[in-house]
Amino acid sequence: QLELITPFQLYFNPELIFKHFQVWRLITNYLFFGPVGFNFLFNMIFLYRYCRMLEEGSFRGRTSDFVFMFLFGGFLMTIFGLFVNLVFLGQAFTIMLVYVWSRRNPYVRMNFFGLLIFQAPFLPWVLMGFSLLLGNSIIVDLLGIAVGHIYFFLEDVFPNQPGGGRLLRTPAVLKAIFDTPEDDPNYNPLPEERPGGFAWGEGQRLGG
C-alpha cells in the first residue's frame, strides 16, 4: 500500500522462481490480497477468525500439527498453481482453513449476512457463490476447497477407515520447535463452534 514494492515483485511465476531463483515468490504470493477494499477486509476477517478458531479448537495444544497443515496446504497449492493460471494464492489458503473448520464442525448453523441459514459444511460453497457474485474467479475458491478436502480426508477420514492409517505425520523437527511440554490449565479458549461476531459468519449449534 505504501508502494515500496509492487505486486509484480510478489506474484507466483514458476519461470521466475525456477529459472531466475526468485524463490521468495513461493511465499509472497500468499501475502498479497489486493488493494485495501471490501475484498481485502473480507479475506482478512475470515483468515483471522477461522485460523484462530482452528488453533484454539481442534489444534489446541498441537501447534506443530497446525504449522504442518500450513506447510502441507501451501505445498499442494504451489503444485496445483503450476497448472492453473493463478498469480496469488492467499484467498485459496483462506478458503482451505474455512473448509477444514467447517468439516470439523458439521452441526454448527451459520447465518450469512442475515439472508442464508445453513450448516457449516456448506460455508465454503456459499463463499464461492458470493465470490462469483462479486465477479471474482471461482478457480481460487475451488483450489482452496480441493486442498482443504485432501487434508481433511488424509487427517480425519482415511485413518478411521477399515485398512486406513495416518499418512500425514508431523515431522519431529516441527514438534521440537513448536510444541510446549505442558498445557496451561487456566486457559479458556474461544469455543471452536462459536464463529459469531460478524453477520456473515455467525453460527450456533443446532438445538442450542
N, C-alpha and C. Protein backbone atom coordinates (compact mmCIF):
# COMPACT_ATOMS: atom_id res chain seq x y z
N GLN A 1 0.82 -1.21 0.00
CA GLN A 1 0.00 0.00 0.00
C GLN A 1 0.86 1.26 0.00
N LEU A 2 2.08 1.19 0.56
CA LEU A 2 2.99 2.34 0.57
C LEU A 2 3.78 2.46 -0.72
N GLU A 3 3.56 1.50 -1.64
CA GLU A 3 4.21 1.47 -2.94
C GLU A 3 5.73 1.38 -2.84
N LEU A 4 6.21 0.77 -1.76
CA LEU A 4 7.64 0.50 -1.64
C LEU A 4 8.02 -0.66 -2.56
N ILE A 5 7.07 -1.57 -2.76
CA ILE A 5 7.22 -2.66 -3.72
C ILE A 5 5.93 -2.75 -4.51
N THR A 6 5.96 -3.51 -5.59
CA THR A 6 4.77 -3.67 -6.42
C THR A 6 4.34 -5.13 -6.42
N PRO A 7 3.07 -5.40 -6.75
CA PRO A 7 2.61 -6.79 -6.84
C PRO A 7 3.41 -7.61 -7.86
N PHE A 8 4.03 -6.94 -8.83
CA PHE A 8 4.80 -7.66 -9.84
C PHE A 8 6.06 -8.31 -9.23
N GLN A 9 6.46 -7.84 -8.06
CA GLN A 9 7.60 -8.43 -7.38
C GLN A 9 7.19 -9.57 -6.46
N LEU A 10 5.88 -9.79 -6.31
CA LEU A 10 5.37 -10.75 -5.34
C LEU A 10 4.67 -11.94 -5.95
N TYR A 11 4.14 -11.80 -7.15
CA TYR A 11 3.21 -12.80 -7.68
C TYR A 11 3.90 -14.12 -8.03
N PHE A 12 3.09 -15.18 -8.12
CA PHE A 12 3.59 -16.53 -8.40
C PHE A 12 3.90 -16.66 -9.88
N ASN A 13 5.17 -16.93 -10.17
CA ASN A 13 5.62 -17.08 -11.55
C ASN A 13 6.66 -18.20 -11.58
N PRO A 14 6.27 -19.41 -12.02
CA PRO A 14 7.20 -20.55 -12.00
C PRO A 14 8.50 -20.29 -12.73
N GLU A 15 8.44 -19.57 -13.86
CA GLU A 15 9.66 -19.31 -14.63
C GLU A 15 10.64 -18.46 -13.83
N LEU A 16 10.12 -17.40 -13.18
CA LEU A 16 10.99 -16.55 -12.39
C LEU A 16 11.51 -17.26 -11.15
N ILE A 17 10.71 -18.19 -10.62
CA ILE A 17 11.12 -18.92 -9.41
C ILE A 17 12.22 -19.92 -9.73
N PHE A 18 12.02 -20.72 -10.76
CA PHE A 18 12.91 -21.84 -11.01
C PHE A 18 14.07 -21.51 -11.96
N LYS A 19 13.86 -20.51 -12.81
CA LYS A 19 14.92 -20.15 -13.76
C LYS A 19 15.76 -18.97 -13.29
N HIS A 20 15.11 -18.07 -12.54
CA HIS A 20 15.82 -16.88 -12.08
C HIS A 20 15.98 -16.87 -10.55
N PHE A 21 15.60 -17.95 -9.92
CA PHE A 21 15.82 -18.18 -8.49
C PHE A 21 15.20 -17.09 -7.60
N GLN A 22 14.05 -16.58 -8.02
CA GLN A 22 13.32 -15.63 -7.17
C GLN A 22 12.40 -16.43 -6.24
N VAL A 23 13.03 -17.16 -5.33
CA VAL A 23 12.31 -18.14 -4.51
C VAL A 23 11.35 -17.48 -3.52
N TRP A 24 11.55 -16.18 -3.24
CA TRP A 24 10.64 -15.53 -2.30
C TRP A 24 9.20 -15.53 -2.80
N ARG A 25 9.03 -15.67 -4.11
CA ARG A 25 7.67 -15.66 -4.67
C ARG A 25 6.85 -16.87 -4.19
N LEU A 26 7.52 -17.93 -3.74
CA LEU A 26 6.80 -19.09 -3.20
C LEU A 26 6.03 -18.73 -1.94
N ILE A 27 6.48 -17.68 -1.25
CA ILE A 27 5.83 -17.23 -0.01
C ILE A 27 5.02 -15.97 -0.23
N THR A 28 5.60 -15.00 -0.94
CA THR A 28 4.94 -13.70 -1.05
C THR A 28 3.62 -13.75 -1.82
N ASN A 29 3.45 -14.75 -2.67
CA ASN A 29 2.18 -14.81 -3.41
C ASN A 29 1.01 -15.13 -2.49
N TYR A 30 1.30 -15.62 -1.27
CA TYR A 30 0.25 -15.88 -0.29
C TYR A 30 -0.05 -14.66 0.56
N LEU A 31 0.76 -13.61 0.47
CA LEU A 31 0.67 -12.49 1.39
C LEU A 31 0.02 -11.25 0.79
N PHE A 32 -0.38 -11.31 -0.47
CA PHE A 32 -0.98 -10.15 -1.12
C PHE A 32 -2.44 -10.45 -1.44
N PHE A 33 -3.34 -9.59 -0.91
CA PHE A 33 -4.78 -9.78 -1.10
C PHE A 33 -5.40 -8.63 -1.88
N GLY A 34 -4.59 -7.92 -2.64
CA GLY A 34 -5.11 -6.82 -3.43
C GLY A 34 -5.13 -5.52 -2.65
N PRO A 35 -5.56 -4.44 -3.28
CA PRO A 35 -5.63 -3.15 -2.61
C PRO A 35 -6.67 -3.17 -1.49
N VAL A 36 -6.51 -2.27 -0.54
CA VAL A 36 -7.45 -2.20 0.58
C VAL A 36 -8.83 -1.88 0.06
N GLY A 37 -9.77 -2.71 0.41
CA GLY A 37 -11.14 -2.57 -0.04
C GLY A 37 -11.97 -3.68 0.57
N PHE A 38 -13.18 -3.87 0.05
CA PHE A 38 -14.08 -4.87 0.63
C PHE A 38 -13.48 -6.27 0.54
N ASN A 39 -12.95 -6.63 -0.61
CA ASN A 39 -12.40 -7.98 -0.80
C ASN A 39 -11.22 -8.22 0.15
N PHE A 40 -10.38 -7.20 0.33
CA PHE A 40 -9.24 -7.31 1.25
C PHE A 40 -9.72 -7.53 2.68
N LEU A 41 -10.66 -6.71 3.14
CA LEU A 41 -11.16 -6.83 4.51
C LEU A 41 -11.88 -8.15 4.71
N PHE A 42 -12.63 -8.57 3.71
CA PHE A 42 -13.35 -9.85 3.77
C PHE A 42 -12.37 -10.99 4.01
N ASN A 43 -11.28 -11.01 3.25
CA ASN A 43 -10.28 -12.06 3.40
C ASN A 43 -9.58 -11.99 4.75
N MET A 44 -9.25 -10.78 5.20
CA MET A 44 -8.55 -10.63 6.49
C MET A 44 -9.41 -11.12 7.64
N ILE A 45 -10.68 -10.78 7.63
CA ILE A 45 -11.59 -11.19 8.71
C ILE A 45 -11.73 -12.71 8.74
N PHE A 46 -11.96 -13.30 7.59
CA PHE A 46 -12.13 -14.76 7.55
C PHE A 46 -10.83 -15.48 7.89
N LEU A 47 -9.72 -14.96 7.39
CA LEU A 47 -8.43 -15.58 7.69
C LEU A 47 -8.17 -15.55 9.19
N TYR A 48 -8.41 -14.41 9.82
CA TYR A 48 -8.17 -14.28 11.26
C TYR A 48 -9.10 -15.17 12.08
N ARG A 49 -10.39 -15.10 11.78
CA ARG A 49 -11.36 -15.80 12.63
C ARG A 49 -11.22 -17.31 12.54
N TYR A 50 -11.14 -17.84 11.33
CA TYR A 50 -11.12 -19.30 11.20
C TYR A 50 -9.75 -19.88 11.52
N CYS A 51 -8.70 -19.11 11.29
CA CYS A 51 -7.38 -19.54 11.73
C CYS A 51 -7.34 -19.61 13.25
N ARG A 52 -7.91 -18.60 13.90
CA ARG A 52 -7.93 -18.57 15.36
C ARG A 52 -8.77 -19.71 15.94
N MET A 53 -9.94 -19.93 15.35
CA MET A 53 -10.81 -20.98 15.89
C MET A 53 -10.21 -22.37 15.70
N LEU A 54 -9.51 -22.59 14.60
CA LEU A 54 -8.82 -23.87 14.43
C LEU A 54 -7.70 -24.01 15.45
N GLU A 55 -6.93 -22.95 15.63
CA GLU A 55 -5.78 -23.02 16.54
C GLU A 55 -6.23 -23.24 17.97
N GLU A 56 -7.33 -22.62 18.37
CA GLU A 56 -7.79 -22.74 19.74
C GLU A 56 -8.80 -23.86 19.92
N GLY A 57 -9.18 -24.51 18.82
CA GLY A 57 -10.14 -25.60 18.88
C GLY A 57 -9.48 -26.95 18.66
N SER A 58 -9.61 -27.47 17.45
CA SER A 58 -9.12 -28.82 17.17
C SER A 58 -7.60 -28.91 17.18
N PHE A 59 -6.89 -27.77 17.07
CA PHE A 59 -5.43 -27.79 17.13
C PHE A 59 -4.90 -27.30 18.47
N ARG A 60 -5.78 -27.21 19.46
CA ARG A 60 -5.35 -26.76 20.78
C ARG A 60 -4.27 -27.70 21.33
N GLY A 61 -3.11 -27.14 21.69
CA GLY A 61 -2.01 -27.94 22.21
C GLY A 61 -1.26 -28.72 21.15
N ARG A 62 -1.58 -28.46 19.87
CA ARG A 62 -0.94 -29.17 18.76
C ARG A 62 -0.40 -28.16 17.75
N THR A 63 0.41 -27.25 18.23
CA THR A 63 0.90 -26.18 17.37
C THR A 63 1.70 -26.72 16.19
N SER A 64 2.49 -27.75 16.43
CA SER A 64 3.29 -28.30 15.33
C SER A 64 2.40 -28.89 14.25
N ASP A 65 1.30 -29.54 14.64
CA ASP A 65 0.36 -30.07 13.65
C ASP A 65 -0.31 -28.94 12.87
N PHE A 66 -0.56 -27.83 13.57
CA PHE A 66 -1.16 -26.66 12.93
C PHE A 66 -0.22 -26.08 11.88
N VAL A 67 1.06 -25.96 12.25
CA VAL A 67 2.06 -25.45 11.31
C VAL A 67 2.23 -26.41 10.13
N PHE A 68 2.17 -27.71 10.43
CA PHE A 68 2.31 -28.70 9.36
C PHE A 68 1.15 -28.61 8.37
N MET A 69 -0.06 -28.31 8.86
CA MET A 69 -1.19 -28.12 7.95
C MET A 69 -0.92 -26.93 7.03
N PHE A 70 -0.34 -25.86 7.56
CA PHE A 70 0.01 -24.71 6.73
C PHE A 70 0.99 -25.12 5.64
N LEU A 71 2.03 -25.84 6.04
CA LEU A 71 3.07 -26.23 5.08
C LEU A 71 2.53 -27.20 4.04
N PHE A 72 1.72 -28.17 4.49
CA PHE A 72 1.14 -29.15 3.57
C PHE A 72 0.20 -28.47 2.58
N GLY A 73 -0.68 -27.59 3.09
CA GLY A 73 -1.60 -26.88 2.21
C GLY A 73 -0.88 -25.97 1.24
N GLY A 74 0.14 -25.25 1.73
CA GLY A 74 0.91 -24.37 0.85
C GLY A 74 1.64 -25.15 -0.23
N PHE A 75 2.17 -26.32 0.15
CA PHE A 75 2.89 -27.15 -0.83
C PHE A 75 1.94 -27.62 -1.93
N LEU A 76 0.76 -28.12 -1.56
CA LEU A 76 -0.19 -28.60 -2.56
C LEU A 76 -0.66 -27.47 -3.47
N MET A 77 -0.94 -26.31 -2.88
CA MET A 77 -1.41 -25.18 -3.68
C MET A 77 -0.33 -24.73 -4.66
N THR A 78 0.92 -24.76 -4.22
CA THR A 78 2.01 -24.39 -5.12
C THR A 78 2.10 -25.36 -6.29
N ILE A 79 1.96 -26.66 -6.00
CA ILE A 79 1.99 -27.68 -7.07
C ILE A 79 0.83 -27.45 -8.04
N PHE A 80 -0.38 -27.25 -7.50
CA PHE A 80 -1.54 -27.02 -8.37
C PHE A 80 -1.39 -25.70 -9.11
N GLY A 81 -0.72 -24.72 -8.47
CA GLY A 81 -0.54 -23.42 -9.11
C GLY A 81 0.29 -23.49 -10.37
N LEU A 82 1.08 -24.56 -10.51
CA LEU A 82 1.87 -24.74 -11.73
C LEU A 82 0.99 -25.04 -12.94
N PHE A 83 -0.23 -25.52 -12.68
CA PHE A 83 -1.10 -25.97 -13.77
C PHE A 83 -2.31 -25.06 -14.00
N VAL A 84 -2.52 -24.11 -13.11
CA VAL A 84 -3.62 -23.16 -13.28
C VAL A 84 -3.05 -21.76 -13.32
N ASN A 85 -3.76 -20.87 -13.96
CA ASN A 85 -3.28 -19.52 -14.17
C ASN A 85 -3.67 -18.63 -12.98
N LEU A 86 -3.01 -18.87 -11.84
CA LEU A 86 -3.25 -18.06 -10.64
C LEU A 86 -1.94 -17.43 -10.21
N VAL A 87 -1.97 -16.15 -9.90
CA VAL A 87 -0.75 -15.45 -9.53
C VAL A 87 -0.67 -15.17 -8.04
N PHE A 88 -1.82 -15.20 -7.34
CA PHE A 88 -1.84 -15.01 -5.89
C PHE A 88 -2.74 -16.09 -5.28
N LEU A 89 -2.23 -16.76 -4.24
CA LEU A 89 -2.92 -17.92 -3.68
C LEU A 89 -3.41 -17.70 -2.25
N GLY A 90 -3.33 -16.46 -1.77
CA GLY A 90 -3.73 -16.18 -0.40
C GLY A 90 -5.20 -16.47 -0.13
N GLN A 91 -6.08 -16.10 -1.07
CA GLN A 91 -7.50 -16.35 -0.88
C GLN A 91 -7.81 -17.84 -0.87
N ALA A 92 -7.12 -18.61 -1.69
CA ALA A 92 -7.30 -20.06 -1.68
C ALA A 92 -6.88 -20.64 -0.34
N PHE A 93 -5.84 -20.10 0.27
CA PHE A 93 -5.40 -20.57 1.57
C PHE A 93 -6.45 -20.28 2.63
N THR A 94 -7.08 -19.10 2.55
CA THR A 94 -8.15 -18.76 3.49
C THR A 94 -9.31 -19.74 3.36
N ILE A 95 -9.71 -20.05 2.12
CA ILE A 95 -10.81 -20.99 1.90
C ILE A 95 -10.44 -22.37 2.42
N MET A 96 -9.17 -22.76 2.32
CA MET A 96 -8.74 -24.05 2.87
C MET A 96 -8.99 -24.11 4.36
N LEU A 97 -8.63 -23.04 5.09
CA LEU A 97 -8.86 -23.01 6.53
C LEU A 97 -10.35 -23.07 6.86
N VAL A 98 -11.15 -22.32 6.11
CA VAL A 98 -12.60 -22.34 6.31
C VAL A 98 -13.16 -23.75 6.07
N TYR A 99 -12.66 -24.42 5.03
CA TYR A 99 -13.15 -25.76 4.70
C TYR A 99 -12.83 -26.75 5.82
N VAL A 100 -11.59 -26.72 6.30
CA VAL A 100 -11.20 -27.66 7.37
C VAL A 100 -12.03 -27.41 8.61
N TRP A 101 -12.21 -26.14 8.98
CA TRP A 101 -13.04 -25.83 10.16
C TRP A 101 -14.47 -26.31 9.96
N SER A 102 -15.03 -26.04 8.79
CA SER A 102 -16.44 -26.38 8.55
C SER A 102 -16.68 -27.87 8.60
N ARG A 103 -15.74 -28.67 8.11
CA ARG A 103 -15.91 -30.12 8.14
C ARG A 103 -15.74 -30.69 9.54
N ARG A 104 -14.98 -30.00 10.37
CA ARG A 104 -14.79 -30.47 11.75
C ARG A 104 -15.88 -29.96 12.69
N ASN A 105 -16.74 -29.11 12.19
CA ASN A 105 -17.86 -28.59 12.98
C ASN A 105 -19.14 -28.68 12.16
N PRO A 106 -19.55 -29.90 11.80
CA PRO A 106 -20.65 -30.06 10.84
C PRO A 106 -22.02 -29.64 11.36
N TYR A 107 -22.18 -29.52 12.68
CA TYR A 107 -23.51 -29.24 13.23
C TYR A 107 -23.70 -27.77 13.61
N VAL A 108 -22.74 -26.94 13.27
CA VAL A 108 -22.87 -25.52 13.54
C VAL A 108 -23.75 -24.89 12.47
N ARG A 109 -24.73 -24.10 12.90
CA ARG A 109 -25.63 -23.43 11.97
C ARG A 109 -25.11 -22.03 11.69
N MET A 110 -24.97 -21.70 10.43
CA MET A 110 -24.38 -20.42 10.01
C MET A 110 -25.47 -19.46 9.54
N ASN A 111 -25.18 -18.17 9.71
CA ASN A 111 -26.06 -17.10 9.24
C ASN A 111 -25.23 -16.16 8.38
N PHE A 112 -25.48 -16.16 7.10
CA PHE A 112 -24.66 -15.39 6.15
C PHE A 112 -25.39 -14.11 5.77
N PHE A 113 -24.88 -12.97 6.29
CA PHE A 113 -25.47 -11.66 6.01
C PHE A 113 -26.94 -11.58 6.40
N GLY A 114 -27.41 -12.49 7.24
CA GLY A 114 -28.82 -12.50 7.62
C GLY A 114 -29.75 -12.97 6.52
N LEU A 115 -29.19 -13.44 5.40
CA LEU A 115 -30.00 -13.85 4.26
C LEU A 115 -30.11 -15.36 4.14
N LEU A 116 -29.03 -16.06 4.45
CA LEU A 116 -28.98 -17.51 4.30
C LEU A 116 -28.67 -18.16 5.63
N ILE A 117 -29.38 -19.24 5.93
CA ILE A 117 -29.10 -20.04 7.13
C ILE A 117 -28.80 -21.45 6.66
N PHE A 118 -27.66 -21.95 7.05
CA PHE A 118 -27.22 -23.27 6.58
C PHE A 118 -26.25 -23.83 7.60
N GLN A 119 -25.90 -25.10 7.43
CA GLN A 119 -24.94 -25.72 8.33
C GLN A 119 -23.51 -25.52 7.81
N ALA A 120 -22.57 -25.59 8.74
CA ALA A 120 -21.19 -25.19 8.47
C ALA A 120 -20.56 -25.84 7.24
N PRO A 121 -20.78 -27.14 6.94
CA PRO A 121 -20.11 -27.72 5.76
C PRO A 121 -20.43 -27.03 4.45
N PHE A 122 -21.52 -26.25 4.40
CA PHE A 122 -21.85 -25.53 3.17
C PHE A 122 -21.16 -24.17 3.07
N LEU A 123 -20.49 -23.73 4.14
CA LEU A 123 -19.91 -22.39 4.16
C LEU A 123 -18.92 -22.15 3.02
N PRO A 124 -17.97 -23.04 2.73
CA PRO A 124 -17.05 -22.77 1.61
C PRO A 124 -17.75 -22.59 0.29
N TRP A 125 -18.83 -23.35 0.08
CA TRP A 125 -19.56 -23.25 -1.18
C TRP A 125 -20.36 -21.95 -1.25
N VAL A 126 -20.88 -21.50 -0.11
CA VAL A 126 -21.57 -20.21 -0.07
C VAL A 126 -20.59 -19.08 -0.36
N LEU A 127 -19.39 -19.18 0.21
CA LEU A 127 -18.37 -18.17 -0.05
C LEU A 127 -17.97 -18.15 -1.53
N MET A 128 -17.92 -19.34 -2.13
CA MET A 128 -17.59 -19.41 -3.54
C MET A 128 -18.68 -18.74 -4.38
N GLY A 129 -19.95 -18.97 -4.03
CA GLY A 129 -21.04 -18.31 -4.74
C GLY A 129 -21.01 -16.81 -4.56
N PHE A 130 -20.67 -16.37 -3.34
CA PHE A 130 -20.57 -14.94 -3.08
C PHE A 130 -19.42 -14.33 -3.88
N SER A 131 -18.31 -15.05 -3.96
CA SER A 131 -17.18 -14.58 -4.76
C SER A 131 -17.56 -14.46 -6.23
N LEU A 132 -18.37 -15.39 -6.72
CA LEU A 132 -18.84 -15.35 -8.10
C LEU A 132 -19.71 -14.13 -8.34
N LEU A 133 -20.55 -13.80 -7.35
CA LEU A 133 -21.41 -12.61 -7.47
C LEU A 133 -20.58 -11.33 -7.52
N LEU A 134 -19.43 -11.34 -6.86
CA LEU A 134 -18.56 -10.17 -6.87
C LEU A 134 -17.74 -10.07 -8.14
N GLY A 135 -17.87 -11.08 -9.01
CA GLY A 135 -17.14 -11.05 -10.27
C GLY A 135 -15.75 -11.64 -10.20
N ASN A 136 -15.44 -12.35 -9.12
CA ASN A 136 -14.12 -12.97 -8.98
C ASN A 136 -14.11 -14.36 -9.61
N SER A 137 -12.94 -14.85 -9.90
CA SER A 137 -12.81 -16.20 -10.45
C SER A 137 -13.01 -17.23 -9.34
N ILE A 138 -13.82 -18.26 -9.63
CA ILE A 138 -14.06 -19.28 -8.62
C ILE A 138 -12.95 -20.33 -8.60
N ILE A 139 -11.99 -20.23 -9.52
CA ILE A 139 -10.88 -21.17 -9.53
C ILE A 139 -10.11 -21.11 -8.22
N VAL A 140 -9.95 -19.90 -7.69
CA VAL A 140 -9.24 -19.73 -6.42
C VAL A 140 -9.97 -20.47 -5.31
N ASP A 141 -11.29 -20.30 -5.24
CA ASP A 141 -12.07 -20.96 -4.20
C ASP A 141 -12.06 -22.47 -4.37
N LEU A 142 -12.18 -22.92 -5.62
CA LEU A 142 -12.16 -24.36 -5.86
C LEU A 142 -10.82 -24.97 -5.47
N LEU A 143 -9.74 -24.24 -5.69
CA LEU A 143 -8.42 -24.73 -5.29
C LEU A 143 -8.34 -24.86 -3.78
N GLY A 144 -8.83 -23.85 -3.06
CA GLY A 144 -8.82 -23.91 -1.60
C GLY A 144 -9.67 -25.05 -1.07
N ILE A 145 -10.85 -25.26 -1.67
CA ILE A 145 -11.73 -26.36 -1.26
C ILE A 145 -11.07 -27.70 -1.52
N ALA A 146 -10.43 -27.84 -2.68
CA ALA A 146 -9.79 -29.11 -3.04
C ALA A 146 -8.65 -29.45 -2.08
N VAL A 147 -7.80 -28.47 -1.79
CA VAL A 147 -6.68 -28.72 -0.87
C VAL A 147 -7.19 -28.97 0.54
N GLY A 148 -8.20 -28.22 0.96
CA GLY A 148 -8.79 -28.45 2.27
C GLY A 148 -9.38 -29.84 2.39
N HIS A 149 -10.05 -30.30 1.32
CA HIS A 149 -10.65 -31.64 1.35
C HIS A 149 -9.57 -32.72 1.40
N ILE A 150 -8.49 -32.53 0.66
CA ILE A 150 -7.40 -33.52 0.68
C ILE A 150 -6.83 -33.63 2.09
N TYR A 151 -6.59 -32.48 2.73
CA TYR A 151 -6.05 -32.52 4.09
C TYR A 151 -7.03 -33.17 5.05
N PHE A 152 -8.31 -32.77 4.97
CA PHE A 152 -9.32 -33.32 5.87
C PHE A 152 -9.46 -34.83 5.67
N PHE A 153 -9.43 -35.29 4.44
CA PHE A 153 -9.58 -36.72 4.17
C PHE A 153 -8.40 -37.51 4.73
N LEU A 154 -7.18 -37.01 4.48
CA LEU A 154 -6.00 -37.74 4.94
C LEU A 154 -5.84 -37.68 6.45
N GLU A 155 -6.31 -36.60 7.07
CA GLU A 155 -6.10 -36.41 8.51
C GLU A 155 -7.25 -36.95 9.35
N ASP A 156 -8.51 -36.80 8.86
CA ASP A 156 -9.67 -37.12 9.69
C ASP A 156 -10.47 -38.32 9.21
N VAL A 157 -10.47 -38.58 7.92
CA VAL A 157 -11.33 -39.64 7.37
C VAL A 157 -10.57 -40.94 7.16
N PHE A 158 -9.52 -40.90 6.37
CA PHE A 158 -8.81 -42.13 5.99
C PHE A 158 -8.27 -42.92 7.19
N PRO A 159 -7.71 -42.27 8.23
CA PRO A 159 -7.22 -43.05 9.37
C PRO A 159 -8.30 -43.86 10.08
N ASN A 160 -9.58 -43.47 9.94
CA ASN A 160 -10.68 -44.16 10.61
C ASN A 160 -11.38 -45.17 9.72
N GLN A 161 -10.90 -45.34 8.48
CA GLN A 161 -11.49 -46.30 7.57
C GLN A 161 -10.88 -47.68 7.78
N PRO A 162 -11.62 -48.76 7.48
CA PRO A 162 -11.04 -50.11 7.57
C PRO A 162 -9.82 -50.22 6.65
N GLY A 163 -8.71 -50.60 7.21
CA GLY A 163 -7.48 -50.69 6.44
C GLY A 163 -6.77 -49.38 6.24
N GLY A 164 -7.33 -48.30 6.82
CA GLY A 164 -6.73 -46.99 6.66
C GLY A 164 -5.61 -46.77 7.67
N GLY A 165 -5.02 -45.63 7.61
CA GLY A 165 -3.94 -45.28 8.50
C GLY A 165 -3.54 -43.84 8.31
N ARG A 166 -2.70 -43.33 9.18
CA ARG A 166 -2.26 -41.95 9.10
C ARG A 166 -1.14 -41.81 8.08
N LEU A 167 -1.42 -41.07 7.02
CA LEU A 167 -0.41 -40.81 6.00
C LEU A 167 0.32 -39.49 6.26
N LEU A 168 -0.34 -38.60 7.00
CA LEU A 168 0.28 -37.32 7.33
C LEU A 168 0.85 -37.39 8.75
N ARG A 169 2.14 -37.25 8.85
CA ARG A 169 2.79 -37.26 10.16
C ARG A 169 3.66 -36.01 10.28
N THR A 170 3.41 -35.28 11.35
CA THR A 170 4.16 -34.04 11.57
C THR A 170 5.63 -34.37 11.84
N PRO A 171 6.55 -33.77 11.10
CA PRO A 171 7.98 -34.03 11.32
C PRO A 171 8.41 -33.72 12.75
N ALA A 172 9.34 -34.50 13.24
CA ALA A 172 9.81 -34.34 14.62
C ALA A 172 10.43 -32.96 14.84
N VAL A 173 11.03 -32.39 13.80
CA VAL A 173 11.66 -31.08 13.97
C VAL A 173 10.63 -30.00 14.26
N LEU A 174 9.43 -30.11 13.67
CA LEU A 174 8.37 -29.15 13.97
C LEU A 174 7.85 -29.33 15.38
N LYS A 175 7.75 -30.58 15.83
CA LYS A 175 7.32 -30.85 17.21
C LYS A 175 8.32 -30.28 18.20
N ALA A 176 9.60 -30.41 17.90
CA ALA A 176 10.63 -29.91 18.81
C ALA A 176 10.60 -28.38 18.88
N ILE A 177 10.25 -27.73 17.77
CA ILE A 177 10.26 -26.27 17.73
C ILE A 177 9.01 -25.67 18.35
N PHE A 178 7.84 -26.24 18.02
CA PHE A 178 6.58 -25.56 18.33
C PHE A 178 5.81 -26.13 19.52
N ASP A 179 5.95 -27.40 19.83
CA ASP A 179 5.14 -27.97 20.90
C ASP A 179 5.72 -27.64 22.27
N THR A 180 4.84 -27.24 23.17
CA THR A 180 5.24 -26.96 24.54
C THR A 180 5.07 -28.21 25.38
N PRO A 181 5.86 -28.36 26.45
CA PRO A 181 5.81 -29.60 27.23
C PRO A 181 4.49 -29.82 27.96
N GLU A 182 3.81 -28.75 28.36
CA GLU A 182 2.55 -28.93 29.06
C GLU A 182 1.62 -27.77 28.79
N ASP A 183 0.34 -27.99 29.06
CA ASP A 183 -0.70 -27.02 28.77
C ASP A 183 -0.99 -26.18 30.00
N ASP A 184 -1.51 -24.98 29.79
CA ASP A 184 -1.92 -24.12 30.90
C ASP A 184 -3.35 -24.49 31.29
N PRO A 185 -3.57 -25.03 32.51
CA PRO A 185 -4.93 -25.47 32.90
C PRO A 185 -5.89 -24.32 33.11
N ASN A 186 -5.38 -23.08 33.23
CA ASN A 186 -6.25 -21.92 33.50
C ASN A 186 -6.67 -21.19 32.24
N TYR A 187 -6.26 -21.74 31.07
CA TYR A 187 -6.56 -21.06 29.81
C TYR A 187 -7.95 -21.44 29.31
N ASN A 188 -8.75 -20.43 28.94
CA ASN A 188 -10.09 -20.67 28.40
C ASN A 188 -10.11 -20.28 26.94
N PRO A 189 -10.06 -21.26 26.02
CA PRO A 189 -10.01 -20.92 24.59
C PRO A 189 -11.35 -20.45 24.06
N LEU A 190 -11.30 -19.76 22.94
CA LEU A 190 -12.52 -19.40 22.23
C LEU A 190 -13.16 -20.67 21.69
N PRO A 191 -14.41 -20.98 22.07
CA PRO A 191 -15.04 -22.22 21.57
C PRO A 191 -15.02 -22.27 20.06
N GLU A 192 -14.58 -23.38 19.51
CA GLU A 192 -14.43 -23.50 18.07
C GLU A 192 -15.77 -23.47 17.36
N GLU A 193 -16.84 -23.89 18.10
CA GLU A 193 -18.14 -23.95 17.44
C GLU A 193 -18.93 -22.66 17.58
N ARG A 194 -18.25 -21.54 17.94
CA ARG A 194 -18.94 -20.27 18.02
C ARG A 194 -18.27 -19.26 17.11
N PRO A 195 -18.56 -19.32 15.81
CA PRO A 195 -17.89 -18.42 14.87
C PRO A 195 -18.57 -17.08 14.72
N GLY A 196 -19.39 -16.68 15.70
CA GLY A 196 -20.18 -15.47 15.55
C GLY A 196 -19.35 -14.21 15.67
N GLY A 197 -20.04 -13.07 15.72
CA GLY A 197 -19.38 -11.80 15.84
C GLY A 197 -19.48 -10.98 14.57
N PHE A 198 -19.72 -11.60 13.46
CA PHE A 198 -19.93 -10.91 12.19
C PHE A 198 -21.18 -11.51 11.55
N ALA A 199 -21.96 -10.65 10.93
CA ALA A 199 -23.25 -11.11 10.40
C ALA A 199 -23.10 -12.18 9.34
N TRP A 200 -21.92 -12.23 8.67
CA TRP A 200 -21.76 -13.20 7.59
C TRP A 200 -21.10 -14.47 8.05
N GLY A 201 -20.79 -14.59 9.33
CA GLY A 201 -20.16 -15.82 9.80
C GLY A 201 -20.69 -16.29 11.12
N GLU A 202 -21.87 -15.82 11.52
CA GLU A 202 -22.37 -16.15 12.84
C GLU A 202 -23.02 -17.52 12.83
N GLY A 203 -22.85 -18.27 13.91
CA GLY A 203 -23.43 -19.60 13.95
C GLY A 203 -23.70 -20.07 15.35
N GLN A 204 -24.44 -21.13 15.46
CA GLN A 204 -24.70 -21.75 16.74
C GLN A 204 -25.02 -23.21 16.49
N ARG A 205 -24.86 -24.05 17.55
CA ARG A 205 -25.17 -25.45 17.39
C ARG A 205 -26.66 -25.65 17.28
N LEU A 206 -27.06 -26.62 16.47
CA LEU A 206 -28.47 -26.93 16.32
C LEU A 206 -29.01 -27.39 17.67
N GLY A 207 -30.16 -26.88 18.03
CA GLY A 207 -30.76 -27.27 19.30
C GLY A 207 -30.24 -26.44 20.45
N GLY A 208 -29.24 -25.57 20.20
CA GLY A 208 -28.65 -24.75 21.24
C GLY A 208 -29.45 -23.47 21.47
